[in-house]
Amino acid sequence: MLTRRKLLNGLAAGASLGLGGAAAWPGVARATSSALFGASSLRNIHIVLEESFWDPAPLTATSLKDTPIDPRFTALWAQSGFTRALSPAFAGQTANAEFEILCGFPLDRASVKFEEGFNDKIPALPHLLKEIGYRTVASHPNAPGSWNRQVAYQKLGFETFWALPDFTQDDMAGPFLSDKSLHAQVGDKLAATDDGRPVLDYTVTFYGHWAYDASAFRPAVLDTHSHVDEVNAYVNTVHYKSKEMMDALAHIQASDPDSIVILFGDHLPILGPKFAGYVESGFLAASFGDFTDEMYARSTATPLVVIDGQKGPLKLGNVPMYRLGRILLDLIAYDRPSMLDLALPPSQNLKDTVLRPLPGVVVSYRPEGFEQARVTRPDQPGDQDAEVVAWLQDVKLIAADIFDGRKYALKTLSI
């Protein structure tokens, strides 16, 4: 088994290192693989990143009797044990959530890695899937240069990117194409360009982005007692957004029942200046400096559903977004050495701890819930923080080598 420390020592020594199979995420039974991947045995994969998708039920100041989210999703999420994705971003910077899912490394800074660029092609999740026979398609109805996606996607292994010029703007909520239209158009495009290969269908929605515009087709139907305009607007937006998401899921499951489907929100929504929509309910404080450990834990967590078409929704607990790609590879029996294995916790002491780096802090979660979350500040570590700080330093060093350096780590893994 390749440990992170062994890799770092190997980089210094120029050694060739072997990689053993990474342990599967709790709740994921790694599929059994054949000696060679064959296109006929590979299942389609649908990853849907839902813009600002979150359940506002904890906002008690709204006085809502129930969540505005479609009851079909609520039932599905309950079947998943209310699994949560832990995002590197809060109220924006979608591309950092994307980086983690596709590359398998955590980010702990506010800058956007896609915009900083990569010095070469990266054997990220799309590249790995393309190598074993997948067609890799990304879709996002925004300008292709937004967050430098056009360049970043190509370097990460997407062979097709459908962006704003490729979509008919026929069903709008303000400046944003509805999810209903987006999913329908992506489905039509995939069918029209089908070449017989299994597909990685990676879709980033746009509807649900601030400022949560209403429209004639999506008028406000819910009222809250919140004093923050964005809360009222968001509650109505997520009401429609969750319905359109579940309609799209129903179509996928009817037409592609064996596929793997991953649905999740990229980050919590913007709800007024100084987090006003959260503050009025006591959910968060008005600034990061005043957050409790549990507030930090809450601020990263969005709904996540992973559906194995052969087994149903999976109960995964708290999942940092940088681990989602590896979970997906387990589901398709991918057991080759991969850069997506390199951010695993380094020791037995941390094996039951979920680590979520954020700017200036690392949040340590238990596998489920927020109640025992603990915040480490790497610049002011306590006695029990040494392993967490060392893990973060090691992972950042390896990431710098892979994304900005000479990629010695990839050479040691024979990638």
Protein backbone atom coordinates (compact mmCIF):
# COMPACT_ATOMS: atom_id res chain seq x y z
CA MET A 1 0.00 0.00 0.00
CA LEU A 2 1.41 3.37 -0.99
CA THR A 3 1.30 5.84 1.87
CA ARG A 4 1.50 9.57 1.39
CA ARG A 5 4.76 9.76 3.32
CA LYS A 6 6.23 6.99 1.21
CA LEU A 7 5.25 8.92 -1.89
CA LEU A 8 6.84 12.11 -0.62
CA ASN A 9 10.03 10.26 0.26
CA GLY A 10 9.91 8.62 -3.14
CA LEU A 11 9.61 11.97 -4.87
CA ALA A 12 12.74 13.13 -3.09
CA ALA A 13 14.61 9.93 -3.94
CA GLY A 14 13.25 9.52 -7.48
CA ALA A 15 12.04 6.02 -6.65
CA SER A 16 9.36 4.06 -8.50
CA LEU A 17 6.49 3.37 -6.11
CA GLY A 18 3.59 0.90 -6.34
CA LEU A 19 0.04 1.72 -5.33
CA GLY A 20 -2.22 -0.76 -3.56
CA GLY A 21 -5.99 -0.54 -3.81
CA ALA A 22 -7.45 2.33 -1.80
CA ALA A 23 -10.03 1.35 0.78
CA ALA A 24 -13.60 1.76 -0.43
CA TRP A 25 -15.72 4.50 1.17
CA PRO A 26 -18.01 3.19 3.94
CA GLY A 27 -21.30 2.20 2.33
CA VAL A 28 -19.69 1.49 -1.06
CA ALA A 29 -19.06 -2.13 -1.95
CA ARG A 30 -16.36 -2.01 -4.59
CA ALA A 31 -17.56 -3.85 -7.66
CA THR A 32 -15.63 -6.87 -8.88
CA SER A 33 -13.68 -6.11 -12.03
CA SER A 34 -12.70 -8.32 -14.89
CA ALA A 35 -9.12 -8.34 -16.15
CA LEU A 36 -9.94 -5.82 -18.85
CA PHE A 37 -12.61 -3.18 -19.12
CA GLY A 38 -15.04 -3.74 -21.95
CA ALA A 39 -17.44 -1.10 -23.24
CA SER A 40 -20.31 -3.58 -23.05
CA SER A 41 -19.79 -4.03 -19.28
CA LEU A 42 -19.48 -0.34 -18.43
CA ARG A 43 -22.51 1.60 -17.28
CA ASN A 44 -23.41 5.16 -18.19
CA ILE A 45 -22.63 7.76 -15.54
CA HIS A 46 -24.75 10.87 -14.99
CA ILE A 47 -23.27 13.52 -12.68
CA VAL A 48 -25.51 16.54 -12.10
CA LEU A 49 -24.08 19.47 -10.18
CA GLU A 50 -27.08 21.51 -9.10
CA GLU A 51 -26.39 25.22 -8.77
CA SER A 52 -26.88 26.42 -5.15
CA PHE A 53 -29.03 23.40 -4.30
CA TRP A 54 -29.73 23.20 -0.56
CA ASP A 55 -32.61 22.40 1.77
CA PRO A 56 -33.70 25.63 3.53
CA ALA A 57 -35.79 23.76 6.11
CA PRO A 58 -33.32 24.65 8.95
CA LEU A 59 -34.08 28.35 8.45
CA THR A 60 -36.58 28.63 11.30
CA ALA A 61 -37.26 32.33 10.67
CA THR A 62 -39.11 31.38 7.48
CA SER A 63 -41.86 29.69 9.52
CA LEU A 64 -42.29 27.18 6.73
CA LYS A 65 -44.29 24.15 7.81
CA ASP A 66 -42.31 21.89 5.52
CA THR A 67 -39.36 21.96 3.16
CA PRO A 68 -40.06 23.56 -0.23
CA ILE A 69 -38.08 20.77 -1.90
CA ASP A 70 -39.97 18.30 -4.09
CA PRO A 71 -41.23 15.44 -1.88
CA ARG A 72 -39.80 12.91 -4.33
CA PHE A 73 -36.31 14.21 -3.58
CA THR A 74 -36.98 14.31 0.16
CA ALA A 75 -38.00 10.64 0.06
CA LEU A 76 -34.97 9.71 -2.06
CA TRP A 77 -32.62 11.63 0.21
CA ALA A 78 -34.09 9.85 3.23
CA GLN A 79 -33.38 6.51 1.51
CA SER A 80 -29.78 7.73 1.19
CA GLY A 81 -29.58 8.36 4.92
CA PHE A 82 -29.48 12.12 4.25
CA THR A 83 -25.99 11.83 2.76
CA ARG A 84 -24.25 15.19 2.40
CA ALA A 85 -21.57 16.53 0.09
CA LEU A 86 -19.01 18.74 1.84
CA SER A 87 -18.06 21.63 -0.42
CA PRO A 88 -14.88 23.71 -0.49
CA ALA A 89 -16.99 26.76 -1.38
CA PHE A 90 -19.64 28.85 0.35
CA ALA A 91 -22.23 30.80 -1.65
CA GLY A 92 -20.19 30.83 -4.85
CA GLN A 93 -17.12 29.58 -6.76
CA THR A 94 -18.79 26.55 -8.29
CA ALA A 95 -15.61 25.72 -10.19
CA ASN A 96 -13.80 24.81 -6.98
CA ALA A 97 -16.44 22.19 -6.21
CA GLU A 98 -15.96 20.94 -9.77
CA PHE A 99 -12.19 20.78 -9.37
CA GLU A 100 -12.52 18.56 -6.31
CA ILE A 101 -14.97 16.13 -7.87
CA LEU A 102 -13.00 15.78 -11.07
CA CYS A 103 -9.46 15.85 -9.64
CA GLY A 104 -9.74 14.23 -6.21
CA PHE A 105 -7.79 16.88 -4.30
CA PRO A 106 -9.11 19.29 -1.66
CA LEU A 107 -8.91 23.06 -1.98
CA ASP A 108 -8.46 25.31 1.04
CA ARG A 109 -8.34 28.71 -0.62
CA ALA A 110 -10.75 31.24 -2.05
CA SER A 111 -9.06 31.55 -5.45
CA VAL A 112 -10.41 29.46 -8.35
CA LYS A 113 -8.02 26.74 -9.49
CA PHE A 114 -9.55 26.50 -12.97
CA GLU A 115 -8.63 30.14 -13.58
CA GLU A 116 -5.05 29.63 -12.40
CA GLY A 117 -4.71 26.92 -15.01
CA PHE A 118 -2.74 23.68 -15.23
CA ASN A 119 0.65 23.33 -16.86
CA ASP A 120 -0.35 20.23 -18.83
CA LYS A 121 -3.09 17.66 -19.28
CA ILE A 122 -4.18 16.00 -16.02
CA PRO A 123 -5.21 12.33 -15.57
CA ALA A 124 -8.35 13.39 -13.73
CA LEU A 125 -11.66 11.51 -13.57
CA PRO A 126 -12.76 12.27 -17.19
CA HIS A 127 -9.34 11.23 -18.53
CA LEU A 128 -9.38 7.96 -16.55
CA LEU A 129 -12.87 7.12 -17.82
CA LYS A 130 -11.99 8.00 -21.41
CA GLU A 131 -9.01 5.64 -21.23
CA ILE A 132 -11.26 2.67 -20.42
CA GLY A 133 -13.78 3.39 -23.17
CA TYR A 134 -16.05 6.19 -22.02
CA ARG A 135 -17.22 9.12 -24.06
CA THR A 136 -16.76 12.17 -21.82
CA VAL A 137 -19.23 15.05 -22.17
CA ALA A 138 -19.58 18.21 -20.08
CA SER A 139 -22.58 20.55 -20.32
CA HIS A 140 -23.12 24.01 -18.80
CA PRO A 141 -25.36 26.72 -20.34
CA ASN A 142 -23.02 29.59 -19.52
CA ALA A 143 -20.28 31.29 -21.55
CA PRO A 144 -17.61 28.67 -22.35
CA GLY A 145 -14.89 30.86 -20.83
CA SER A 146 -16.68 31.21 -17.49
CA TRP A 147 -14.21 30.12 -14.75
CA ASN A 148 -11.92 29.13 -17.66
CA ARG A 149 -13.95 25.94 -18.13
CA GLN A 150 -13.28 25.66 -21.85
CA VAL A 151 -9.55 25.23 -21.16
CA ALA A 152 -9.82 23.34 -17.87
CA TYR A 153 -12.30 20.74 -19.13
CA GLN A 154 -10.12 19.89 -22.12
CA LYS A 155 -7.04 19.43 -19.92
CA LEU A 156 -8.98 17.22 -17.50
CA GLY A 157 -10.11 14.84 -20.24
CA PHE A 158 -13.50 15.99 -21.53
CA GLU A 159 -13.71 15.43 -25.27
CA THR A 160 -16.96 17.42 -25.68
CA PHE A 161 -18.12 20.60 -23.93
CA TRP A 162 -21.57 22.00 -24.68
CA ALA A 163 -21.82 25.59 -23.44
CA LEU A 164 -24.06 28.63 -23.94
CA PRO A 165 -23.80 28.79 -27.77
CA ASP A 166 -24.90 25.14 -27.99
CA PHE A 167 -28.21 25.57 -26.15
CA THR A 168 -31.46 27.15 -27.27
CA GLN A 169 -32.45 29.79 -24.72
CA ASP A 170 -36.11 28.82 -24.79
CA ASP A 171 -37.22 28.63 -21.15
CA MET A 172 -35.63 31.30 -19.02
CA ALA A 173 -35.71 32.39 -15.40
CA GLY A 174 -34.13 35.81 -15.68
CA PRO A 175 -30.80 35.26 -17.50
CA PHE A 176 -30.65 31.55 -16.64
CA LEU A 177 -31.78 28.61 -18.74
CA SER A 178 -34.18 26.46 -16.76
CA ASP A 179 -33.09 23.03 -15.58
CA LYS A 180 -36.12 21.59 -17.36
CA SER A 181 -34.88 22.82 -20.72
CA LEU A 182 -31.22 22.08 -19.99
CA HIS A 183 -31.83 18.44 -19.10
CA ALA A 184 -34.08 17.94 -22.13
CA GLN A 185 -31.55 19.48 -24.50
CA VAL A 186 -28.63 17.51 -23.04
CA GLY A 187 -30.62 14.30 -23.41
CA ASP A 188 -31.43 15.10 -27.04
CA LYS A 189 -27.81 15.94 -27.82
CA LEU A 190 -26.50 12.76 -26.21
CA ALA A 191 -28.97 10.67 -28.21
CA ALA A 192 -28.18 12.44 -31.48
CA THR A 193 -24.42 11.95 -31.07
CA ASP A 194 -24.46 8.44 -29.57
CA ASP A 195 -21.52 6.43 -30.91
CA GLY A 196 -22.04 3.23 -28.95
CA ARG A 197 -19.64 4.01 -26.13
CA PRO A 198 -20.78 4.35 -22.50
CA VAL A 199 -21.00 8.00 -21.51
CA LEU A 200 -19.87 10.21 -18.68
CA ASP A 201 -22.64 12.81 -18.78
CA TYR A 202 -21.44 15.66 -16.54
CA THR A 203 -23.96 18.49 -16.30
CA VAL A 204 -23.58 21.74 -14.37
CA THR A 205 -26.89 23.56 -14.08
CA PHE A 206 -27.27 27.35 -14.08
CA TYR A 207 -30.84 27.91 -12.86
CA GLY A 208 -30.80 28.52 -9.12
CA HIS A 209 -27.96 31.03 -9.33
CA TRP A 210 -28.37 34.25 -7.37
CA ALA A 211 -30.55 36.40 -7.59
CA TYR A 212 -33.20 33.65 -7.88
CA ASP A 213 -35.33 35.36 -10.51
CA ALA A 214 -39.00 34.48 -10.79
CA SER A 215 -40.71 34.28 -14.18
CA ALA A 216 -44.15 33.93 -15.70
CA PHE A 217 -43.61 30.16 -15.84
CA ARG A 218 -42.19 30.00 -12.31
CA PRO A 219 -44.08 32.57 -10.23
CA ALA A 220 -43.64 32.82 -6.47
CA VAL A 221 -46.00 30.34 -4.83
CA LEU A 222 -44.52 30.22 -1.32
CA ASP A 223 -44.29 33.03 1.21
CA THR A 224 -42.07 33.11 4.26
CA HIS A 225 -41.75 35.29 7.34
CA SER A 226 -38.13 36.05 6.55
CA HIS A 227 -37.03 39.69 6.47
CA VAL A 228 -34.39 38.87 3.84
CA ASP A 229 -35.56 39.17 0.23
CA GLU A 230 -33.16 36.48 -1.01
CA VAL A 231 -34.64 33.92 1.38
CA ASN A 232 -38.12 34.35 -0.05
CA ALA A 233 -36.79 34.24 -3.60
CA TYR A 234 -34.60 31.20 -2.94
CA VAL A 235 -37.39 29.19 -1.29
CA ASN A 236 -39.46 29.56 -4.45
CA THR A 237 -36.53 28.85 -6.75
CA VAL A 238 -35.58 25.61 -4.99
CA HIS A 239 -39.24 24.57 -5.07
CA TYR A 240 -39.16 24.60 -8.89
CA LYS A 241 -35.56 23.53 -9.23
CA SER A 242 -36.02 20.35 -7.19
CA LYS A 243 -39.11 19.41 -9.21
CA GLU A 244 -37.24 19.82 -12.51
CA MET A 245 -34.33 17.81 -11.12
CA MET A 246 -36.61 14.95 -10.10
CA ASP A 247 -38.42 14.99 -13.45
CA ALA A 248 -35.03 14.64 -15.15
CA LEU A 249 -34.02 11.83 -12.79
CA ALA A 250 -37.26 9.99 -13.54
CA HIS A 251 -36.44 10.16 -17.25
CA ILE A 252 -32.88 8.88 -16.70
CA GLN A 253 -34.07 5.99 -14.56
CA ALA A 254 -36.73 5.03 -17.10
CA SER A 255 -34.43 5.18 -20.12
CA ASP A 256 -31.12 4.14 -18.50
CA PRO A 257 -32.04 2.10 -15.41
CA ASP A 258 -28.62 0.51 -14.77
CA SER A 259 -26.73 3.80 -14.84
CA ILE A 260 -24.96 5.50 -11.96
CA VAL A 261 -26.46 8.88 -11.05
CA ILE A 262 -24.92 11.48 -8.73
CA LEU A 263 -26.97 14.56 -7.75
CA PHE A 264 -25.67 17.24 -5.39
CA GLY A 265 -25.55 20.95 -4.65
CA ASP A 266 -22.29 22.77 -5.30
CA HIS A 267 -22.56 25.11 -2.31
CA LEU A 268 -25.06 26.86 -0.05
CA PRO A 269 -26.96 29.78 -1.62
CA ILE A 270 -26.27 33.48 -1.15
CA LEU A 271 -28.90 34.74 1.30
CA GLY A 272 -28.33 38.43 1.79
CA PRO A 273 -25.38 40.57 2.91
CA LYS A 274 -23.37 39.34 5.89
CA PHE A 275 -25.18 35.98 5.71
CA ALA A 276 -28.39 37.75 6.84
CA GLY A 277 -30.74 34.96 5.79
CA TYR A 278 -28.79 32.48 7.88
CA VAL A 279 -28.16 34.83 10.81
CA GLU A 280 -31.85 35.58 11.43
CA SER A 281 -32.42 31.85 12.04
CA GLY A 282 -29.25 31.36 14.12
CA PHE A 283 -27.94 28.93 11.52
CA LEU A 284 -24.69 30.86 10.94
CA ALA A 285 -23.00 33.93 12.40
CA ALA A 286 -22.50 37.14 10.43
CA SER A 287 -18.82 36.46 9.69
CA PHE A 288 -16.55 33.44 9.41
CA GLY A 289 -14.54 34.72 12.37
CA ASP A 290 -17.58 34.26 14.61
CA PHE A 291 -18.48 30.76 13.40
CA THR A 292 -18.64 27.97 15.95
CA ASP A 293 -17.19 24.61 14.94
CA GLU A 294 -20.69 23.34 14.16
CA MET A 295 -21.42 26.42 12.02
CA TYR A 296 -18.32 25.71 9.95
CA ALA A 297 -19.55 22.14 9.53
CA ARG A 298 -23.02 23.27 8.44
CA SER A 299 -21.71 25.87 6.02
CA THR A 300 -20.17 23.27 3.69
CA ALA A 301 -22.91 20.64 3.56
CA THR A 302 -25.33 20.21 0.64
CA PRO A 303 -27.71 17.36 -0.24
CA LEU A 304 -26.05 14.44 -2.04
CA VAL A 305 -27.65 11.39 -3.63
CA VAL A 306 -25.61 8.63 -5.26
CA ILE A 307 -27.76 6.04 -7.04
CA ASP A 308 -26.33 2.74 -8.19
CA GLY A 309 -28.86 1.62 -10.81
CA GLN A 310 -28.31 -1.99 -9.77
CA LYS A 311 -28.58 -1.42 -6.01
CA GLY A 312 -30.43 1.83 -5.42
CA PRO A 313 -29.43 4.91 -3.41
CA LEU A 314 -26.31 4.56 -1.27
CA LYS A 315 -25.91 5.63 2.35
CA LEU A 316 -22.56 7.40 2.44
CA GLY A 317 -22.75 9.84 5.36
CA ASN A 318 -20.64 13.02 5.12
CA VAL A 319 -18.62 12.96 1.89
CA PRO A 320 -16.05 15.66 1.05
CA MET A 321 -16.34 16.50 -2.62
CA TYR A 322 -12.75 15.49 -3.30
CA ARG A 323 -13.71 11.88 -2.47
CA LEU A 324 -16.69 11.64 -4.84
CA GLY A 325 -14.61 10.74 -7.88
CA ARG A 326 -12.96 7.82 -6.10
CA ILE A 327 -16.36 6.58 -4.90
CA LEU A 328 -17.54 6.60 -8.50
CA LEU A 329 -14.50 4.62 -9.63
CA ASP A 330 -15.26 2.01 -6.96
CA LEU A 331 -18.78 1.62 -8.36
CA ILE A 332 -17.44 0.73 -11.82
CA ALA A 333 -14.67 -1.55 -10.44
CA TYR A 334 -11.82 0.74 -11.44
CA ASP A 335 -8.87 -0.58 -9.43
CA ARG A 336 -5.88 0.86 -11.28
CA PRO A 337 -3.44 3.34 -9.66
CA SER A 338 -4.95 6.80 -9.77
CA MET A 339 -4.26 10.31 -8.55
CA LEU A 340 -7.74 10.20 -6.99
CA ASP A 341 -6.32 7.94 -4.26
CA LEU A 342 -3.76 10.41 -2.98
CA ALA A 343 -5.88 12.50 -0.59
CA LEU A 344 -6.85 9.58 1.63
CA PRO A 345 -6.41 10.04 5.41
CA PRO A 346 -2.88 8.87 6.23
CA SER A 347 -3.33 6.84 9.40
CA GLN A 348 -5.56 4.59 11.45
CA ASN A 349 -6.12 7.46 13.87
CA LEU A 350 -7.92 9.42 11.14
CA LYS A 351 -9.64 6.58 9.31
CA ASP A 352 -13.03 7.37 10.90
CA THR A 353 -12.59 11.12 10.48
CA VAL A 354 -13.88 13.05 7.47
CA LEU A 355 -11.58 16.00 6.69
CA ARG A 356 -12.88 19.13 4.98
CA PRO A 357 -10.20 21.80 4.35
CA LEU A 358 -11.51 25.36 3.99
CA PRO A 359 -9.72 28.72 3.81
CA GLY A 360 -7.80 28.98 7.08
CA VAL A 361 -9.29 25.89 8.74
CA VAL A 362 -9.82 22.15 8.44
CA VAL A 363 -13.16 20.80 9.68
CA SER A 364 -13.03 17.25 11.07
CA TYR A 365 -16.39 15.48 10.91
CA ARG A 366 -17.58 12.20 12.22
CA PRO A 367 -18.89 9.97 9.40
CA GLU A 368 -22.42 11.31 9.98
CA GLY A 369 -23.87 14.53 11.41
CA PHE A 370 -22.32 17.81 12.54
CA GLU A 371 -22.59 17.57 16.30
CA GLN A 372 -19.02 16.43 16.98
CA ALA A 373 -17.34 18.48 14.27
CA ARG A 374 -14.04 20.03 15.25
CA VAL A 375 -12.12 22.87 13.60
CA THR A 376 -8.32 22.82 13.24
CA ARG A 377 -6.52 26.06 12.42
CA PRO A 378 -3.26 25.05 10.71
CA ASP A 379 -1.59 28.35 11.63
CA GLN A 380 -2.52 27.83 15.32
CA PRO A 381 -2.54 24.04 15.78
CA GLY A 382 -3.35 22.41 19.09
CA ASP A 383 -1.82 19.27 20.53
CA GLN A 384 -4.35 17.00 18.79
CA ASP A 385 -4.01 18.70 15.42
CA ALA A 386 -0.60 17.41 14.34
CA GLU A 387 -1.83 14.61 12.08
CA VAL A 388 -4.46 16.80 10.39
CA VAL A 389 -1.94 19.56 9.71
CA ALA A 390 0.63 17.07 8.38
CA TRP A 391 -2.00 15.50 6.11
CA LEU A 392 -2.96 18.89 4.67
CA GLN A 393 0.67 19.89 4.08
CA ASP A 394 1.41 16.59 2.34
CA VAL A 395 -1.67 16.75 0.12
CA LYS A 396 -0.94 20.35 -0.88
CA LEU A 397 2.64 19.41 -1.77
CA ILE A 398 1.51 16.54 -3.97
CA ALA A 399 -1.17 18.73 -5.58
CA ALA A 400 1.40 21.43 -6.36
CA ASP A 401 3.57 18.80 -8.05
CA ILE A 402 0.70 17.39 -10.12
CA PHE A 403 -1.08 20.58 -11.19
CA ASP A 404 1.75 23.12 -11.31
CA GLY A 405 5.00 21.18 -11.19
CA ARG A 406 6.78 18.40 -13.04
CA LYS A 407 4.34 15.64 -12.03
CA TYR A 408 6.85 13.41 -10.26
CA ALA A 409 3.97 11.93 -8.28
CA LEU A 410 2.29 10.70 -11.45
CA LYS A 411 5.52 9.18 -12.69
CA THR A 412 5.95 7.21 -9.47
CA LEU A 413 2.42 5.85 -9.94
CA SER A 414 3.12 4.95 -13.58
CA ILE A 415 0.21 7.15 -14.72
